[in-house]
Every structure is written in C-alpha cells, then in structure tokens.
Amino acid sequence: MADAIQLPETSGKISIDENLTDRAKLDNLVTDLAQEYSKYLKVDVSAEKAVLEDEVEDILTRLDEFTSFVDMVRGGQCIVFKSNTSRYS
C-alpha cells in the first residue's frame, strides 16, 4: 500500500520545472550556436575591394589616355598621323 501513495502534483511540478530548464538550456544552446555560425559566415572583403578599386582606377586611366589620343587624331594634332597621311595622299 505504501507504493500506491504518490503525490501527482509534486511529481508533475518537478517534470514541468525540468522541462522549463531543459527548454531554457536548449534556447541558450541554439542562441550560442547561431552566434557562432554568424561569426563563421562573416567575410572581410576589404583586401579584395582594394584590389578591385586599384584595377578600376588603372582601367579609367587607360581609358582617359586612349580618349585623349583619339581626340588628338580626330583634331589632326598628331604630327605622326599627319606625316603618315601625307605620304599616302
């Protein structure tokens, strides 16, 4: 008969408290895991950005030089161009 006496309210509260602490632990674990993954996925692109900016600057410089050359040829200001065209005229 002593085995038949149980306090269901007490045993229920203990399991609820255990479930709450397990839930809190799980929430903390998930939060920590998410923070660790966010650190893993962060990318530092400053070095690649600097290389790309240098390349773009170089291309723009070359384009400016080419544009100046084309303008000289169009305007007839290029001595070499004038001398070569006078040979064939």
N, C-alpha and C. Protein backbone atom coordinates (compact mmCIF):
# COMPACT_ATOMS: atom_id res chain seq x y z
N MET A 1 0.80 -1.18 0.00
CA MET A 1 0.00 0.00 0.00
C MET A 1 0.85 1.25 0.00
N ALA A 2 1.98 1.20 0.56
CA ALA A 2 2.85 2.37 0.58
C ALA A 2 3.27 2.75 -0.83
N ASP A 3 3.32 1.75 -1.71
CA ASP A 3 3.67 2.04 -3.10
C ASP A 3 2.57 2.80 -3.82
N ALA A 4 1.35 2.66 -3.40
CA ALA A 4 0.23 3.30 -4.07
C ALA A 4 0.10 4.77 -3.73
N ILE A 5 0.77 5.24 -2.68
CA ILE A 5 0.66 6.65 -2.29
C ILE A 5 1.71 7.45 -3.06
N GLN A 6 1.24 8.35 -3.89
CA GLN A 6 2.13 9.25 -4.63
C GLN A 6 1.50 10.62 -4.66
N LEU A 7 2.27 11.58 -4.78
CA LEU A 7 1.77 12.94 -4.90
C LEU A 7 1.93 13.38 -6.36
N PRO A 8 0.86 13.28 -7.13
CA PRO A 8 0.99 13.61 -8.55
C PRO A 8 1.29 15.08 -8.80
N GLU A 9 0.82 15.96 -7.90
CA GLU A 9 1.09 17.38 -8.10
C GLU A 9 2.57 17.68 -7.99
N THR A 10 3.24 17.10 -7.02
CA THR A 10 4.65 17.33 -6.81
C THR A 10 5.46 16.76 -7.96
N SER A 11 5.14 15.53 -8.36
CA SER A 11 5.89 14.92 -9.45
C SER A 11 5.64 15.67 -10.75
N GLY A 12 4.44 16.20 -10.93
CA GLY A 12 4.14 16.99 -12.12
C GLY A 12 4.91 18.30 -12.14
N LYS A 13 5.04 18.95 -10.99
CA LYS A 13 5.78 20.21 -10.94
C LYS A 13 7.26 19.99 -11.22
N ILE A 14 7.77 18.92 -10.73
CA ILE A 14 9.19 18.63 -10.97
C ILE A 14 9.43 18.42 -12.46
N SER A 15 8.56 17.69 -13.11
CA SER A 15 8.76 17.45 -14.54
C SER A 15 8.57 18.74 -15.34
N ILE A 16 7.64 19.60 -14.91
CA ILE A 16 7.46 20.88 -15.59
C ILE A 16 8.69 21.75 -15.41
N ASP A 17 9.23 21.80 -14.18
CA ASP A 17 10.43 22.58 -13.94
C ASP A 17 11.60 22.03 -14.74
N GLU A 18 11.71 20.71 -14.81
CA GLU A 18 12.79 20.11 -15.60
C GLU A 18 12.61 20.45 -17.07
N ASN A 19 11.37 20.40 -17.55
CA ASN A 19 11.12 20.75 -18.95
C ASN A 19 11.45 22.21 -19.22
N LEU A 20 11.13 23.09 -18.25
CA LEU A 20 11.45 24.51 -18.44
C LEU A 20 12.95 24.74 -18.45
N THR A 21 13.67 24.10 -17.55
CA THR A 21 15.12 24.28 -17.54
C THR A 21 15.74 23.66 -18.78
N ASP A 22 15.21 22.52 -19.22
CA ASP A 22 15.71 21.93 -20.46
C ASP A 22 15.42 22.84 -21.64
N ARG A 23 14.27 23.45 -21.64
CA ARG A 23 13.89 24.38 -22.72
C ARG A 23 14.80 25.61 -22.70
N ALA A 24 15.08 26.12 -21.50
CA ALA A 24 15.96 27.28 -21.38
C ALA A 24 17.38 26.93 -21.83
N LYS A 25 17.84 25.75 -21.45
CA LYS A 25 19.17 25.30 -21.87
C LYS A 25 19.22 25.15 -23.39
N LEU A 26 18.16 24.59 -23.94
CA LEU A 26 18.10 24.42 -25.39
C LEU A 26 18.06 25.77 -26.10
N ASP A 27 17.29 26.71 -25.56
CA ASP A 27 17.25 28.05 -26.14
C ASP A 27 18.62 28.71 -26.10
N ASN A 28 19.31 28.58 -24.97
CA ASN A 28 20.66 29.15 -24.86
C ASN A 28 21.62 28.48 -25.83
N LEU A 29 21.50 27.17 -25.97
CA LEU A 29 22.36 26.44 -26.89
C LEU A 29 22.12 26.89 -28.33
N VAL A 30 20.86 27.03 -28.70
CA VAL A 30 20.53 27.47 -30.06
C VAL A 30 21.03 28.89 -30.29
N THR A 31 20.88 29.76 -29.30
CA THR A 31 21.35 31.14 -29.43
C THR A 31 22.87 31.18 -29.59
N ASP A 32 23.57 30.41 -28.76
CA ASP A 32 25.03 30.36 -28.86
C ASP A 32 25.47 29.80 -30.21
N LEU A 33 24.79 28.77 -30.67
CA LEU A 33 25.12 28.17 -31.96
C LEU A 33 24.90 29.16 -33.10
N ALA A 34 23.81 29.90 -33.03
CA ALA A 34 23.53 30.90 -34.07
C ALA A 34 24.59 32.00 -34.07
N GLN A 35 25.03 32.42 -32.90
CA GLN A 35 26.07 33.45 -32.83
C GLN A 35 27.39 32.93 -33.38
N GLU A 36 27.72 31.68 -33.08
CA GLU A 36 28.96 31.10 -33.60
C GLU A 36 28.92 30.98 -35.12
N TYR A 37 27.79 30.54 -35.65
CA TYR A 37 27.66 30.44 -37.11
C TYR A 37 27.72 31.82 -37.75
N SER A 38 27.16 32.83 -37.12
CA SER A 38 27.22 34.17 -37.70
C SER A 38 28.66 34.68 -37.74
N LYS A 39 29.47 34.32 -36.76
CA LYS A 39 30.89 34.68 -36.79
C LYS A 39 31.60 33.94 -37.91
N TYR A 40 31.24 32.71 -38.14
CA TYR A 40 31.86 31.89 -39.18
C TYR A 40 31.54 32.43 -40.57
N LEU A 41 30.35 32.94 -40.74
CA LEU A 41 29.91 33.39 -42.06
C LEU A 41 30.31 34.83 -42.38
N LYS A 42 30.86 35.56 -41.44
CA LYS A 42 31.29 36.93 -41.72
C LYS A 42 32.51 36.89 -42.63
N VAL A 43 32.52 37.78 -43.62
CA VAL A 43 33.59 37.80 -44.59
C VAL A 43 34.20 39.19 -44.61
N ASP A 44 35.52 39.24 -44.63
CA ASP A 44 36.22 40.52 -44.72
C ASP A 44 36.67 40.69 -46.17
N VAL A 45 36.05 41.62 -46.86
CA VAL A 45 36.34 41.81 -48.28
C VAL A 45 37.15 43.08 -48.53
N SER A 46 37.73 43.65 -47.50
CA SER A 46 38.45 44.91 -47.67
C SER A 46 39.67 44.74 -48.57
N ALA A 47 40.38 43.62 -48.46
CA ALA A 47 41.55 43.39 -49.32
C ALA A 47 41.13 43.24 -50.78
N GLU A 48 40.08 42.46 -51.02
CA GLU A 48 39.59 42.29 -52.38
C GLU A 48 39.05 43.59 -52.94
N LYS A 49 38.42 44.39 -52.08
CA LYS A 49 37.87 45.67 -52.51
C LYS A 49 38.99 46.61 -52.93
N ALA A 50 40.09 46.63 -52.19
CA ALA A 50 41.21 47.49 -52.53
C ALA A 50 41.82 47.10 -53.87
N VAL A 51 41.96 45.81 -54.12
CA VAL A 51 42.50 45.34 -55.40
C VAL A 51 41.57 45.74 -56.53
N LEU A 52 40.29 45.57 -56.34
CA LEU A 52 39.32 45.93 -57.37
C LEU A 52 39.33 47.43 -57.64
N GLU A 53 39.41 48.24 -56.59
CA GLU A 53 39.47 49.69 -56.78
C GLU A 53 40.72 50.10 -57.55
N ASP A 54 41.86 49.45 -57.26
CA ASP A 54 43.09 49.75 -58.00
C ASP A 54 42.96 49.39 -59.47
N GLU A 55 42.36 48.25 -59.75
CA GLU A 55 42.17 47.83 -61.14
C GLU A 55 41.24 48.78 -61.88
N VAL A 56 40.17 49.19 -61.24
CA VAL A 56 39.24 50.13 -61.87
C VAL A 56 39.93 51.46 -62.13
N GLU A 57 40.72 51.92 -61.19
CA GLU A 57 41.46 53.17 -61.38
C GLU A 57 42.44 53.06 -62.55
N ASP A 58 43.11 51.93 -62.67
CA ASP A 58 44.03 51.71 -63.79
C ASP A 58 43.29 51.71 -65.12
N ILE A 59 42.16 51.04 -65.17
CA ILE A 59 41.37 50.99 -66.40
C ILE A 59 40.86 52.38 -66.77
N LEU A 60 40.42 53.15 -65.79
CA LEU A 60 39.95 54.51 -66.07
C LEU A 60 41.09 55.40 -66.58
N THR A 61 42.28 55.22 -66.04
CA THR A 61 43.44 55.99 -66.52
C THR A 61 43.74 55.64 -67.97
N ARG A 62 43.74 54.35 -68.28
CA ARG A 62 44.00 53.92 -69.67
C ARG A 62 42.91 54.43 -70.61
N LEU A 63 41.68 54.41 -70.16
CA LEU A 63 40.59 54.91 -70.99
C LEU A 63 40.74 56.41 -71.24
N ASP A 64 41.16 57.15 -70.23
CA ASP A 64 41.38 58.58 -70.39
C ASP A 64 42.51 58.84 -71.38
N GLU A 65 43.59 58.07 -71.29
CA GLU A 65 44.70 58.22 -72.23
C GLU A 65 44.25 57.89 -73.65
N PHE A 66 43.48 56.84 -73.81
CA PHE A 66 43.00 56.45 -75.13
C PHE A 66 42.07 57.52 -75.71
N THR A 67 41.21 58.07 -74.86
CA THR A 67 40.30 59.12 -75.31
C THR A 67 41.08 60.35 -75.75
N SER A 68 42.12 60.71 -75.00
CA SER A 68 42.96 61.85 -75.39
C SER A 68 43.64 61.58 -76.72
N PHE A 69 44.13 60.37 -76.92
CA PHE A 69 44.78 60.01 -78.18
C PHE A 69 43.79 60.09 -79.34
N VAL A 70 42.59 59.58 -79.17
CA VAL A 70 41.58 59.63 -80.22
C VAL A 70 41.21 61.08 -80.53
N ASP A 71 41.11 61.91 -79.51
CA ASP A 71 40.81 63.33 -79.73
C ASP A 71 41.92 64.02 -80.52
N MET A 72 43.19 63.67 -80.22
CA MET A 72 44.30 64.24 -80.97
C MET A 72 44.25 63.82 -82.43
N VAL A 73 43.96 62.57 -82.68
CA VAL A 73 43.89 62.08 -84.05
C VAL A 73 42.73 62.73 -84.79
N ARG A 74 41.61 62.86 -84.16
CA ARG A 74 40.45 63.49 -84.80
C ARG A 74 40.72 64.96 -85.11
N GLY A 75 41.40 65.63 -84.22
CA GLY A 75 41.67 67.05 -84.41
C GLY A 75 42.84 67.31 -85.33
N GLY A 76 43.55 66.29 -85.73
CA GLY A 76 44.70 66.46 -86.60
C GLY A 76 45.89 67.04 -85.88
N GLN A 77 45.96 66.91 -84.59
CA GLN A 77 47.06 67.48 -83.82
C GLN A 77 48.23 66.51 -83.68
N CYS A 78 48.07 65.36 -84.19
CA CYS A 78 49.12 64.35 -84.04
C CYS A 78 50.09 64.47 -85.22
N ILE A 79 51.32 64.82 -84.98
CA ILE A 79 52.32 65.04 -86.03
C ILE A 79 52.60 63.75 -86.78
N VAL A 80 52.71 62.67 -86.07
CA VAL A 80 52.97 61.38 -86.71
C VAL A 80 51.83 61.02 -87.64
N PHE A 81 50.63 61.25 -87.21
CA PHE A 81 49.47 60.94 -88.04
C PHE A 81 49.46 61.80 -89.30
N LYS A 82 49.81 63.08 -89.18
CA LYS A 82 49.83 63.98 -90.32
C LYS A 82 50.91 63.57 -91.32
N SER A 83 52.08 63.25 -90.80
CA SER A 83 53.17 62.89 -91.71
C SER A 83 52.89 61.57 -92.42
N ASN A 84 52.28 60.63 -91.74
CA ASN A 84 51.97 59.35 -92.38
C ASN A 84 50.84 59.49 -93.39
N THR A 85 49.86 60.34 -93.12
CA THR A 85 48.76 60.51 -94.08
C THR A 85 49.19 61.32 -95.29
N SER A 86 50.17 62.21 -95.12
CA SER A 86 50.63 63.00 -96.27
C SER A 86 51.40 62.12 -97.25
N ARG A 87 52.00 61.06 -96.81
CA ARG A 87 52.71 60.14 -97.70
C ARG A 87 51.75 59.44 -98.64
N TYR A 88 50.59 59.13 -98.15
CA TYR A 88 49.64 58.34 -98.94
C TYR A 88 48.68 59.20 -99.74
N SER A 89 48.75 60.50 -99.60
CA SER A 89 47.82 61.38 -100.33
C SER A 89 48.32 61.70 -101.71
